[in-house]
Amino acid sequence: MTAYWIAHVTVLDPVKYKDYTDIAPLAFKKFGAVFLARGGAAQVLEGESFARHVVIRFPDMQTALDCYHSPEYQAAKANRDGHCVAQITIVEGLGADSVLALGDRQ
């Protein structure tokens, strides 16, 4: 079952943050990540506002977690620490049998 990495980020220092964006793609590529949204126009309707929003699809929850905890991603993360405010959540997607049709109740 697919999993999604949902990140909300506000960059505090764009110059230093580039040290993250220069090497983070190595981890994403290694773990088969597919970017579905990355920093496009967004409107925050509820909750804390962040400047940037990212949605990344992974083959499954374990792969998404392995990517986050990998040496490659942790090296990139160390470069962004202190240069942004980030909230990252990994959520399991719905299986084909679980996808709700419009109007179905949860």
PDB file of N, CA and C in Angstrom:
ATOM      1  N   MET A   1       0.839  -1.171   0.000  1.00  0.00           N
ATOM      2  CA  MET A   1       0.000   0.000   0.000  1.00  0.00           C
ATOM      3  C   MET A   1       0.896   1.251   0.000  1.00  0.00           C
ATOM      4  N   THR A   2       0.606   2.190  -0.869  1.00  0.00           N
ATOM      5  CA  THR A   2       1.432   3.395  -0.965  1.00  0.00           C
ATOM      6  C   THR A   2       1.429   4.176   0.346  1.00  0.00           C
ATOM      7  N   ALA A   3       2.432   5.036   0.469  1.00  0.00           N
ATOM      8  CA  ALA A   3       2.521   5.942   1.611  1.00  0.00           C
ATOM      9  C   ALA A   3       2.921   7.311   1.085  1.00  0.00           C
ATOM     10  N   TYR A   4       2.551   8.328   1.834  1.00  0.00           N
ATOM     11  CA  TYR A   4       2.802   9.701   1.418  1.00  0.00           C
ATOM     12  C   TYR A   4       3.552  10.450   2.505  1.00  0.00           C
ATOM     13  N   TRP A   5       4.588  11.128   2.093  1.00  0.00           N
ATOM     14  CA  TRP A   5       5.388  11.981   2.962  1.00  0.00           C
ATOM     15  C   TRP A   5       4.830  13.378   2.733  1.00  0.00           C
ATOM     16  N   ILE A   6       4.268  13.978   3.772  1.00  0.00           N
ATOM     17  CA  ILE A   6       3.678  15.300   3.672  1.00  0.00           C
ATOM     18  C   ILE A   6       4.527  16.238   4.511  1.00  0.00           C
ATOM     19  N   ALA A   7       5.112  17.240   3.860  1.00  0.00           N
ATOM     20  CA  ALA A   7       5.999  18.169   4.553  1.00  0.00           C
ATOM     21  C   ALA A   7       5.474  19.594   4.401  1.00  0.00           C
ATOM     22  N   HIS A   8       5.511  20.320   5.491  1.00  0.00           N
ATOM     23  CA  HIS A   8       5.181  21.744   5.508  1.00  0.00           C
ATOM     24  C   HIS A   8       6.438  22.443   6.000  1.00  0.00           C
ATOM     25  N   VAL A   9       6.905  23.426   5.243  1.00  0.00           N
ATOM     26  CA  VAL A   9       8.205  24.040   5.532  1.00  0.00           C
ATOM     27  C   VAL A   9       8.142  25.552   5.364  1.00  0.00           C
ATOM     28  N   THR A  10       8.772  26.246   6.285  1.00  0.00           N
ATOM     29  CA  THR A  10       9.050  27.665   6.116  1.00  0.00           C
ATOM     30  C   THR A  10      10.565  27.823   6.192  1.00  0.00           C
ATOM     31  N   VAL A  11      11.154  28.275   5.107  1.00  0.00           N
ATOM     32  CA  VAL A  11      12.609  28.452   5.037  1.00  0.00           C
ATOM     33  C   VAL A  11      12.985  29.763   5.719  1.00  0.00           C
ATOM     34  N   LEU A  12      13.947  29.687   6.634  1.00  0.00           N
ATOM     35  CA  LEU A  12      14.419  30.866   7.355  1.00  0.00           C
ATOM     36  C   LEU A  12      15.657  31.475   6.707  1.00  0.00           C
ATOM     37  N   ASP A  13      16.500  30.631   6.120  1.00  0.00           N
ATOM     38  CA  ASP A  13      17.732  31.087   5.477  1.00  0.00           C
ATOM     39  C   ASP A  13      17.883  30.345   4.147  1.00  0.00           C
ATOM     40  N   PRO A  14      17.445  30.969   3.041  1.00  0.00           N
ATOM     41  CA  PRO A  14      17.476  30.286   1.744  1.00  0.00           C
ATOM     42  C   PRO A  14      18.867  29.848   1.302  1.00  0.00           C
ATOM     43  N   VAL A  15      19.889  30.595   1.638  1.00  0.00           N
ATOM     44  CA  VAL A  15      21.246  30.238   1.237  1.00  0.00           C
ATOM     45  C   VAL A  15      21.678  28.941   1.926  1.00  0.00           C
ATOM     46  N   LYS A  16      21.475  28.859   3.224  1.00  0.00           N
ATOM     47  CA  LYS A  16      21.840  27.648   3.967  1.00  0.00           C
ATOM     48  C   LYS A  16      20.915  26.477   3.613  1.00  0.00           C
ATOM     49  N   TYR A  17      19.643  26.749   3.351  1.00  0.00           N
ATOM     50  CA  TYR A  17      18.678  25.704   3.015  1.00  0.00           C
ATOM     51  C   TYR A  17      19.068  24.998   1.710  1.00  0.00           C
ATOM     52  N   LYS A  18      19.747  25.713   0.833  1.00  0.00           N
ATOM     53  CA  LYS A  18      20.193  25.120  -0.432  1.00  0.00           C
ATOM     54  C   LYS A  18      21.134  23.941  -0.182  1.00  0.00           C
ATOM     55  N   ASP A  19      21.857  23.963   0.942  1.00  0.00           N
ATOM     56  CA  ASP A  19      22.710  22.816   1.281  1.00  0.00           C
ATOM     57  C   ASP A  19      21.872  21.553   1.463  1.00  0.00           C
ATOM     58  N   TYR A  20      20.621  21.703   1.904  1.00  0.00           N
ATOM     59  CA  TYR A  20      19.682  20.585   2.028  1.00  0.00           C
ATOM     60  C   TYR A  20      19.179  20.167   0.650  1.00  0.00           C
ATOM     61  N   THR A  21      18.699  21.145  -0.123  1.00  0.00           N
ATOM     62  CA  THR A  21      18.089  20.815  -1.417  1.00  0.00           C
ATOM     63  C   THR A  21      19.101  20.281  -2.426  1.00  0.00           C
ATOM     64  N   ASP A  22      20.372  20.547  -2.198  1.00  0.00           N
ATOM     65  CA  ASP A  22      21.398  20.011  -3.096  1.00  0.00           C
ATOM     66  C   ASP A  22      21.615  18.511  -2.919  1.00  0.00           C
ATOM     67  N   ILE A  23      21.405  17.994  -1.688  1.00  0.00           N
ATOM     68  CA  ILE A  23      21.705  16.565  -1.476  1.00  0.00           C
ATOM     69  C   ILE A  23      20.496  15.697  -1.126  1.00  0.00           C
ATOM     70  N   ALA A  24      19.385  16.279  -0.694  1.00  0.00           N
ATOM     71  CA  ALA A  24      18.196  15.481  -0.359  1.00  0.00           C
ATOM     72  C   ALA A  24      17.707  14.625  -1.526  1.00  0.00           C
ATOM     73  N   PRO A  25      17.759  15.115  -2.778  1.00  0.00           N
ATOM     74  CA  PRO A  25      17.292  14.275  -3.891  1.00  0.00           C
ATOM     75  C   PRO A  25      17.987  12.923  -4.006  1.00  0.00           C
ATOM     76  N   LEU A  26      19.199  12.798  -3.492  1.00  0.00           N
ATOM     77  CA  LEU A  26      19.889  11.500  -3.532  1.00  0.00           C
ATOM     78  C   LEU A  26      19.096  10.445  -2.760  1.00  0.00           C
ATOM     79  N   ALA A  27      18.582  10.821  -1.594  1.00  0.00           N
ATOM     80  CA  ALA A  27      17.786   9.879  -0.793  1.00  0.00           C
ATOM     81  C   ALA A  27      16.459   9.586  -1.475  1.00  0.00           C
ATOM     82  N   PHE A  28      15.794  10.629  -1.970  1.00  0.00           N
ATOM     83  CA  PHE A  28      14.489  10.416  -2.607  1.00  0.00           C
ATOM     84  C   PHE A  28      14.602   9.497  -3.822  1.00  0.00           C
ATOM     85  N   LYS A  29      15.640   9.688  -4.613  1.00  0.00           N
ATOM     86  CA  LYS A  29      15.840   8.837  -5.794  1.00  0.00           C
ATOM     87  C   LYS A  29      16.112   7.391  -5.373  1.00  0.00           C
ATOM     88  N   LYS A  30      16.955   7.214  -4.375  1.00  0.00           N
ATOM     89  CA  LYS A  30      17.321   5.873  -3.911  1.00  0.00           C
ATOM     90  C   LYS A  30      16.096   5.076  -3.473  1.00  0.00           C
ATOM     91  N   PHE A  31      15.094   5.759  -2.890  1.00  0.00           N
ATOM     92  CA  PHE A  31      13.930   5.065  -2.337  1.00  0.00           C
ATOM     93  C   PHE A  31      12.689   5.166  -3.230  1.00  0.00           C
ATOM     94  N   GLY A  32      12.860   5.569  -4.471  1.00  0.00           N
ATOM     95  CA  GLY A  32      11.758   5.557  -5.433  1.00  0.00           C
ATOM     96  C   GLY A  32      10.669   6.588  -5.175  1.00  0.00           C
ATOM     97  N   ALA A  33      11.031   7.719  -4.598  1.00  0.00           N
ATOM     98  CA  ALA A  33      10.052   8.764  -4.298  1.00  0.00           C
ATOM     99  C   ALA A  33       9.537   9.421  -5.575  1.00  0.00           C
ATOM    100  N   VAL A  34       8.256   9.771  -5.566  1.00  0.00           N
ATOM    101  CA  VAL A  34       7.641  10.505  -6.668  1.00  0.00           C
ATOM    102  C   VAL A  34       7.012  11.761  -6.071  1.00  0.00           C
ATOM    103  N   PHE A  35       7.462  12.915  -6.513  1.00  0.00           N
ATOM    104  CA  PHE A  35       6.919  14.181  -6.011  1.00  0.00           C
ATOM    105  C   PHE A  35       5.574  14.458  -6.673  1.00  0.00           C
ATOM    106  N   LEU A  36       4.556  14.680  -5.853  1.00  0.00           N
ATOM    107  CA  LEU A  36       3.215  14.987  -6.352  1.00  0.00           C
ATOM    108  C   LEU A  36       2.907  16.473  -6.224  1.00  0.00           C
ATOM    109  N   ALA A  37       3.491  17.121  -5.239  1.00  0.00           N
ATOM    110  CA  ALA A  37       3.351  18.575  -5.053  1.00  0.00           C
ATOM    111  C   ALA A  37       4.641  19.059  -4.409  1.00  0.00           C
ATOM    112  N   ARG A  38       5.108  20.230  -4.870  1.00  0.00           N
ATOM    113  CA  ARG A  38       6.349  20.747  -4.307  1.00  0.00           C
ATOM    114  C   ARG A  38       6.372  22.265  -4.443  1.00  0.00           C
ATOM    115  N   GLY A  39       5.885  22.933  -3.396  1.00  0.00           N
ATOM    116  CA  GLY A  39       6.028  24.375  -3.312  1.00  0.00           C
ATOM    117  C   GLY A  39       5.140  25.196  -4.223  1.00  0.00           C
ATOM    118  N   GLY A  40       4.105  24.627  -4.804  1.00  0.00           N
ATOM    119  CA  GLY A  40       3.206  25.391  -5.662  1.00  0.00           C
ATOM    120  C   GLY A  40       2.271  26.274  -4.842  1.00  0.00           C
ATOM    121  N   ALA A  41       1.382  26.938  -5.526  1.00  0.00           N
ATOM    122  CA  ALA A  41       0.408  27.805  -4.857  1.00  0.00           C
ATOM    123  C   ALA A  41      -0.400  26.988  -3.856  1.00  0.00           C
ATOM    124  N   ALA A  42      -0.645  27.582  -2.683  1.00  0.00           N
ATOM    125  CA  ALA A  42      -1.397  26.892  -1.633  1.00  0.00           C
ATOM    126  C   ALA A  42      -2.154  27.916  -0.804  1.00  0.00           C
ATOM    127  N   GLN A  43      -3.230  27.480  -0.200  1.00  0.00           N
ATOM    128  CA  GLN A  43      -3.991  28.303   0.732  1.00  0.00           C
ATOM    129  C   GLN A  43      -4.192  27.500   2.001  1.00  0.00           C
ATOM    130  N   VAL A  44      -3.715  28.015   3.109  1.00  0.00           N
ATOM    131  CA  VAL A  44      -3.911  27.360   4.396  1.00  0.00           C
ATOM    132  C   VAL A  44      -5.267  27.802   4.923  1.00  0.00           C
ATOM    133  N   LEU A  45      -6.173  26.871   5.122  1.00  0.00           N
ATOM    134  CA  LEU A  45      -7.526  27.191   5.574  1.00  0.00           C
ATOM    135  C   LEU A  45      -7.697  26.992   7.071  1.00  0.00           C
ATOM    136  N   GLU A  46      -6.896  26.126   7.656  1.00  0.00           N
ATOM    137  CA  GLU A  46      -6.943  25.885   9.101  1.00  0.00           C
ATOM    138  C   GLU A  46      -5.544  25.525   9.568  1.00  0.00           C
ATOM    139  N   GLY A  47      -5.243  25.844  10.806  1.00  0.00           N
ATOM    140  CA  GLY A  47      -3.979  25.450  11.402  1.00  0.00           C
ATOM    141  C   GLY A  47      -2.842  26.395  11.077  1.00  0.00           C
ATOM    142  N   GLU A  48      -1.647  25.971  11.494  1.00  0.00           N
ATOM    143  CA  GLU A  48      -0.448  26.783  11.325  1.00  0.00           C
ATOM    144  C   GLU A  48      -0.119  26.964   9.846  1.00  0.00           C
ATOM    145  N   SER A  49       0.334  28.145   9.508  1.00  0.00           N
ATOM    146  CA  SER A  49       0.686  28.448   8.129  1.00  0.00           C
ATOM    147  C   SER A  49       2.178  28.221   7.894  1.00  0.00           C
ATOM    148  N   PHE A  50       2.493  27.522   6.834  1.00  0.00           N
ATOM    149  CA  PHE A  50       3.864  27.327   6.378  1.00  0.00           C
ATOM    150  C   PHE A  50       3.953  27.902   4.972  1.00  0.00           C
ATOM    151  N   ALA A  51       5.142  28.268   4.562  1.00  0.00           N
ATOM    152  CA  ALA A  51       5.321  28.883   3.249  1.00  0.00           C
ATOM    153  C   ALA A  51       5.311  27.863   2.110  1.00  0.00           C
ATOM    154  N   ARG A  52       5.697  26.626   2.402  1.00  0.00           N
ATOM    155  CA  ARG A  52       5.902  25.627   1.364  1.00  0.00           C
ATOM    156  C   ARG A  52       5.285  24.299   1.784  1.00  0.00           C
ATOM    157  N   HIS A  53       4.720  23.591   0.814  1.00  0.00           N
ATOM    158  CA  HIS A  53       4.072  22.301   1.090  1.00  0.00           C
ATOM    159  C   HIS A  53       4.547  21.291   0.048  1.00  0.00           C
ATOM    160  N   VAL A  54       4.853  20.087   0.522  1.00  0.00           N
ATOM    161  CA  VAL A  54       5.405  19.058  -0.358  1.00  0.00           C
ATOM    162  C   VAL A  54       4.674  17.741  -0.081  1.00  0.00           C
ATOM    163  N   VAL A  55       4.302  17.037  -1.137  1.00  0.00           N
ATOM    164  CA  VAL A  55       3.705  15.706  -1.015  1.00  0.00           C
ATOM    165  C   VAL A  55       4.524  14.762  -1.894  1.00  0.00           C
ATOM    166  N   ILE A  56       5.014  13.700  -1.278  1.00  0.00           N
ATOM    167  CA  ILE A  56       5.870  12.739  -1.983  1.00  0.00           C
ATOM    168  C   ILE A  56       5.271  11.346  -1.801  1.00  0.00           C
ATOM    169  N   ARG A  57       5.128  10.622  -2.897  1.00  0.00           N
ATOM    170  CA  ARG A  57       4.594   9.252  -2.841  1.00  0.00           C
ATOM    171  C   ARG A  57       5.741   8.249  -2.802  1.00  0.00           C
ATOM    172  N   PHE A  58       5.563   7.237  -1.942  1.00  0.00           N
ATOM    173  CA  PHE A  58       6.501   6.113  -1.838  1.00  0.00           C
ATOM    174  C   PHE A  58       5.725   4.819  -2.066  1.00  0.00           C
ATOM    175  N   PRO A  59       6.415   3.754  -2.437  1.00  0.00           N
ATOM    176  CA  PRO A  59       5.728   2.481  -2.682  1.00  0.00           C
ATOM    177  C   PRO A  59       4.965   1.951  -1.466  1.00  0.00           C
ATOM    178  N   ASP A  60       5.487   2.223  -0.253  1.00  0.00           N
ATOM    179  CA  ASP A  60       4.836   1.730   0.959  1.00  0.00           C
ATOM    180  C   ASP A  60       5.389   2.487   2.169  1.00  0.00           C
ATOM    181  N   MET A  61       4.767   2.282   3.313  1.00  0.00           N
ATOM    182  CA  MET A  61       5.138   2.973   4.540  1.00  0.00           C
ATOM    183  C   MET A  61       6.584   2.685   4.931  1.00  0.00           C
ATOM    184  N   GLN A  62       6.992   1.433   4.852  1.00  0.00           N
ATOM    185  CA  GLN A  62       8.348   1.080   5.276  1.00  0.00           C
ATOM    186  C   GLN A  62       9.401   1.780   4.411  1.00  0.00           C
ATOM    187  N   THR A  63       9.157   1.860   3.120  1.00  0.00           N
ATOM    188  CA  THR A  63      10.105   2.538   2.234  1.00  0.00           C
ATOM    189  C   THR A  63      10.193   4.023   2.575  1.00  0.00           C
ATOM    190  N   ALA A  64       9.057   4.647   2.864  1.00  0.00           N
ATOM    191  CA  ALA A  64       9.050   6.062   3.245  1.00  0.00           C
ATOM    192  C   ALA A  64       9.831   6.271   4.541  1.00  0.00           C
ATOM    193  N   LEU A  65       9.625   5.393   5.509  1.00  0.00           N
ATOM    194  CA  LEU A  65      10.363   5.488   6.771  1.00  0.00           C
ATOM    195  C   LEU A  65      11.848   5.215   6.570  1.00  0.00           C
ATOM    196  N   ASP A  66      12.157   4.227   5.735  1.00  0.00           N
ATOM    197  CA  ASP A  66      13.563   3.923   5.455  1.00  0.00           C
ATOM    198  C   ASP A  66      14.256   5.117   4.805  1.00  0.00           C
ATOM    199  N   CYS A  67      13.557   5.814   3.934  1.00  0.00           N
ATOM    200  CA  CYS A  67      14.119   6.999   3.293  1.00  0.00           C
ATOM    201  C   CYS A  67      14.421   8.062   4.349  1.00  0.00           C
ATOM    202  N   TYR A  68      13.446   8.342   5.201  1.00  0.00           N
ATOM    203  CA  TYR A  68      13.635   9.380   6.225  1.00  0.00           C
ATOM    204  C   TYR A  68      14.822   9.054   7.136  1.00  0.00           C
ATOM    205  N   HIS A  69      14.934   7.798   7.531  1.00  0.00           N
ATOM    206  CA  HIS A  69      15.978   7.395   8.483  1.00  0.00           C
ATOM    207  C   HIS A  69      17.315   7.035   7.811  1.00  0.00           C
ATOM    208  N   SER A  70      17.366   7.097   6.491  1.00  0.00           N
ATOM    209  CA  SER A  70      18.587   6.718   5.771  1.00  0.00           C
ATOM    210  C   SER A  70      19.726   7.695   6.055  1.00  0.00           C
ATOM    211  N   PRO A  71      20.958   7.213   5.958  1.00  0.00           N
ATOM    212  CA  PRO A  71      22.108   8.115   6.120  1.00  0.00           C
ATOM    213  C   PRO A  71      22.074   9.274   5.119  1.00  0.00           C
ATOM    214  N   GLU A  72      21.595   8.997   3.910  1.00  0.00           N
ATOM    215  CA  GLU A  72      21.538  10.038   2.883  1.00  0.00           C
ATOM    216  C   GLU A  72      20.588  11.166   3.294  1.00  0.00           C
ATOM    217  N   TYR A  73      19.388  10.790   3.765  1.00  0.00           N
ATOM    218  CA  TYR A  73      18.439  11.839   4.140  1.00  0.00           C
ATOM    219  C   TYR A  73      18.859  12.531   5.438  1.00  0.00           C
ATOM    220  N   GLN A  74      19.372  11.781   6.382  1.00  0.00           N
ATOM    221  CA  GLN A  74      19.791  12.390   7.649  1.00  0.00           C
ATOM    222  C   GLN A  74      20.929  13.390   7.437  1.00  0.00           C
ATOM    223  N   ALA A  75      21.804  13.125   6.463  1.00  0.00           N
ATOM    224  CA  ALA A  75      22.863  14.093   6.130  1.00  0.00           C
ATOM    225  C   ALA A  75      22.247  15.366   5.558  1.00  0.00           C
ATOM    226  N   ALA A  76      21.253  15.207   4.691  1.00  0.00           N
ATOM    227  CA  ALA A  76      20.567  16.380   4.132  1.00  0.00           C
ATOM    228  C   ALA A  76      19.842  17.141   5.235  1.00  0.00           C
ATOM    229  N   LYS A  77      19.149  16.407   6.100  1.00  0.00           N
ATOM    230  CA  LYS A  77      18.396  17.023   7.204  1.00  0.00           C
ATOM    231  C   LYS A  77      19.325  17.822   8.116  1.00  0.00           C
ATOM    232  N   ALA A  78      20.494  17.300   8.382  1.00  0.00           N
ATOM    233  CA  ALA A  78      21.451  18.016   9.235  1.00  0.00           C
ATOM    234  C   ALA A  78      21.808  19.369   8.624  1.00  0.00           C
ATOM    235  N   ASN A  79      21.801  19.433   7.285  1.00  0.00           N
ATOM    236  CA  ASN A  79      22.099  20.698   6.609  1.00  0.00           C
ATOM    237  C   ASN A  79      20.947  21.697   6.686  1.00  0.00           C
ATOM    238  N   ARG A  80      19.726  21.224   6.897  1.00  0.00           N
ATOM    239  CA  ARG A  80      18.592  22.150   6.973  1.00  0.00           C
ATOM    240  C   ARG A  80      18.242  22.530   8.408  1.00  0.00           C
ATOM    241  N   ASP A  81      18.667  21.738   9.372  1.00  0.00           N
ATOM    242  CA  ASP A  81      18.346  22.023  10.776  1.00  0.00           C
ATOM    243  C   ASP A  81      18.805  23.427  11.149  1.00  0.00           C
ATOM    244  N   GLY A  82      17.885  24.194  11.725  1.00  0.00           N
ATOM    245  CA  GLY A  82      18.175  25.556  12.134  1.00  0.00           C
ATOM    246  C   GLY A  82      17.970  26.578  11.030  1.00  0.00           C
ATOM    247  N   HIS A  83      17.740  26.113   9.795  1.00  0.00           N
ATOM    248  CA  HIS A  83      17.575  27.031   8.679  1.00  0.00           C
ATOM    249  C   HIS A  83      16.160  27.010   8.123  1.00  0.00           C
ATOM    250  N   CYS A  84      15.280  26.245   8.786  1.00  0.00           N
ATOM    251  CA  CYS A  84      13.873  26.203   8.402  1.00  0.00           C
ATOM    252  C   CYS A  84      13.056  25.699   9.586  1.00  0.00           C
ATOM    253  N   VAL A  85      11.763  25.875   9.479  1.00  0.00           N
ATOM    254  CA  VAL A  85      10.822  25.254  10.408  1.00  0.00           C
ATOM    255  C   VAL A  85      10.067  24.238   9.571  1.00  0.00           C
ATOM    256  N   ALA A  86      10.047  22.985  10.007  1.00  0.00           N
ATOM    257  CA  ALA A  86       9.429  21.936   9.195  1.00  0.00           C
ATOM    258  C   ALA A  86       8.538  21.038  10.039  1.00  0.00           C
ATOM    259  N   GLN A  87       7.488  20.559   9.407  1.00  0.00           N
ATOM    260  CA  GLN A  87       6.627  19.529   9.983  1.00  0.00           C
ATOM    261  C   GLN A  87       6.506  18.449   8.918  1.00  0.00           C
ATOM    262  N   ILE A  88       6.908  17.232   9.261  1.00  0.00           N
ATOM    263  CA  ILE A  88       6.876  16.130   8.296  1.00  0.00           C
ATOM    264  C   ILE A  88       6.057  14.994   8.886  1.00  0.00           C
ATOM    265  N   THR A  89       5.119  14.513   8.078  1.00  0.00           N
ATOM    266  CA  THR A  89       4.270  13.391   8.471  1.00  0.00           C
ATOM    267  C   THR A  89       4.311  12.370   7.344  1.00  0.00           C
ATOM    268  N   ILE A  90       4.351  11.107   7.709  1.00  0.00           N
ATOM    269  CA  ILE A  90       4.229  10.041   6.714  1.00  0.00           C
ATOM    270  C   ILE A  90       2.915   9.323   7.004  1.00  0.00           C
ATOM    271  N   VAL A  91       2.088   9.222   5.976  1.00  0.00           N
ATOM    272  CA  VAL A  91       0.766   8.619   6.147  1.00  0.00           C
ATOM    273  C   VAL A  91       0.578   7.521   5.107  1.00  0.00           C
ATOM    274  N   GLU A  92      -0.014   6.426   5.547  1.00  0.00           N
ATOM    275  CA  GLU A  92      -0.295   5.320   4.642  1.00  0.00           C
ATOM    276  C   GLU A  92      -1.488   5.677   3.763  1.00  0.00           C
ATOM    277  N   GLY A  93      -1.378   5.364   2.474  1.00  0.00           N
ATOM    278  CA  GLY A  93      -2.471   5.621   1.547  1.00  0.00           C
ATOM    279  C   GLY A  93      -3.562   4.564   1.676  1.00  0.00           C
ATOM    280  N   LEU A  94      -4.657   4.835   1.037  1.00  0.00           N
ATOM    281  CA  LEU A  94      -5.763   3.889   1.013  1.00  0.00           C
ATOM    282  C   LEU A  94      -5.517   2.844  -0.071  1.00  0.00           C
ATOM    283  N   GLY A  95      -5.835   1.618   0.222  1.00  0.00           N
ATOM    284  CA  GLY A  95      -5.760   0.582  -0.797  1.00  0.00           C
ATOM    285  C   GLY A  95      -6.901   0.774  -1.799  1.00  0.00           C
ATOM    286  N   ALA A  96      -6.794   0.166  -2.950  1.00  0.00           N
ATOM    287  CA  ALA A  96      -7.810   0.321  -3.995  1.00  0.00           C
ATOM    288  C   ALA A  96      -9.197  -0.041  -3.493  1.00  0.00           C
ATOM    289  N   ASP A  97      -9.305  -1.037  -2.611  1.00  0.00           N
ATOM    290  CA  ASP A  97     -10.603  -1.447  -2.081  1.00  0.00           C
ATOM    291  C   ASP A  97     -11.148  -0.468  -1.054  1.00  0.00           C
ATOM    292  N   SER A  98     -10.286   0.407  -0.536  1.00  0.00           N
ATOM    293  CA  SER A  98     -10.699   1.321   0.522  1.00  0.00           C
ATOM    294  C   SER A  98     -11.006   2.724   0.041  1.00  0.00           C
ATOM    295  N   VAL A  99     -10.707   3.012  -1.208  1.00  0.00           N
ATOM    296  CA  VAL A  99     -10.928   4.363  -1.712  1.00  0.00           C
ATOM    297  C   VAL A  99     -12.426   4.646  -1.681  1.00  0.00           C
ATOM    298  N   LEU A 100     -12.760   5.755  -1.058  1.00  0.00           N
ATOM    299  CA  LEU A 100     -14.166   6.119  -0.928  1.00  0.00           C
ATOM    300  C   LEU A 100     -14.648   6.854  -2.176  1.00  0.00           C
ATOM    301  N   ALA A 101     -15.795   6.455  -2.670  1.00  0.00           N
ATOM    302  CA  ALA A 101     -16.399   7.175  -3.787  1.00  0.00           C
ATOM    303  C   ALA A 101     -17.057   8.446  -3.237  1.00  0.00           C
ATOM    304  N   LEU A 102     -17.184   9.427  -4.074  1.00  0.00           N
ATOM    305  CA  LEU A 102     -17.818  10.668  -3.676  1.00  0.00           C
ATOM    306  C   LEU A 102     -19.184  10.371  -3.086  1.00  0.00           C
ATOM    307  N   GLY A 103     -19.432  10.865  -1.896  1.00  0.00           N
ATOM    308  CA  GLY A 103     -20.710  10.655  -1.235  1.00  0.00           C
ATOM    309  C   GLY A 103     -20.712   9.487  -0.261  1.00  0.00           C
ATOM    310  N   ASP A 104     -19.701   8.614  -0.310  1.00  0.00           N
ATOM    311  CA  ASP A 104     -19.636   7.518   0.653  1.00  0.00           C
ATOM    312  C   ASP A 104     -19.335   8.070   2.029  1.00  0.00           C
ATOM    313  N   ARG A 105     -19.812   7.400   3.031  1.00  0.00           N
ATOM    314  CA  ARG A 105     -19.534   7.791   4.416  1.00  0.00           C
ATOM    315  C   ARG A 105     -18.258   7.110   4.870  1.00  0.00           C
ATOM    316  N   GLN A 106     -17.544   7.790   5.789  1.00  0.00           N
ATOM    317  CA  GLN A 106     -16.320   7.214   6.343  1.00  0.00           C
ATOM    318  C   GLN A 106     -16.649   6.342   7.516  1.00  0.00           C
TER     319      GLN A 106
END
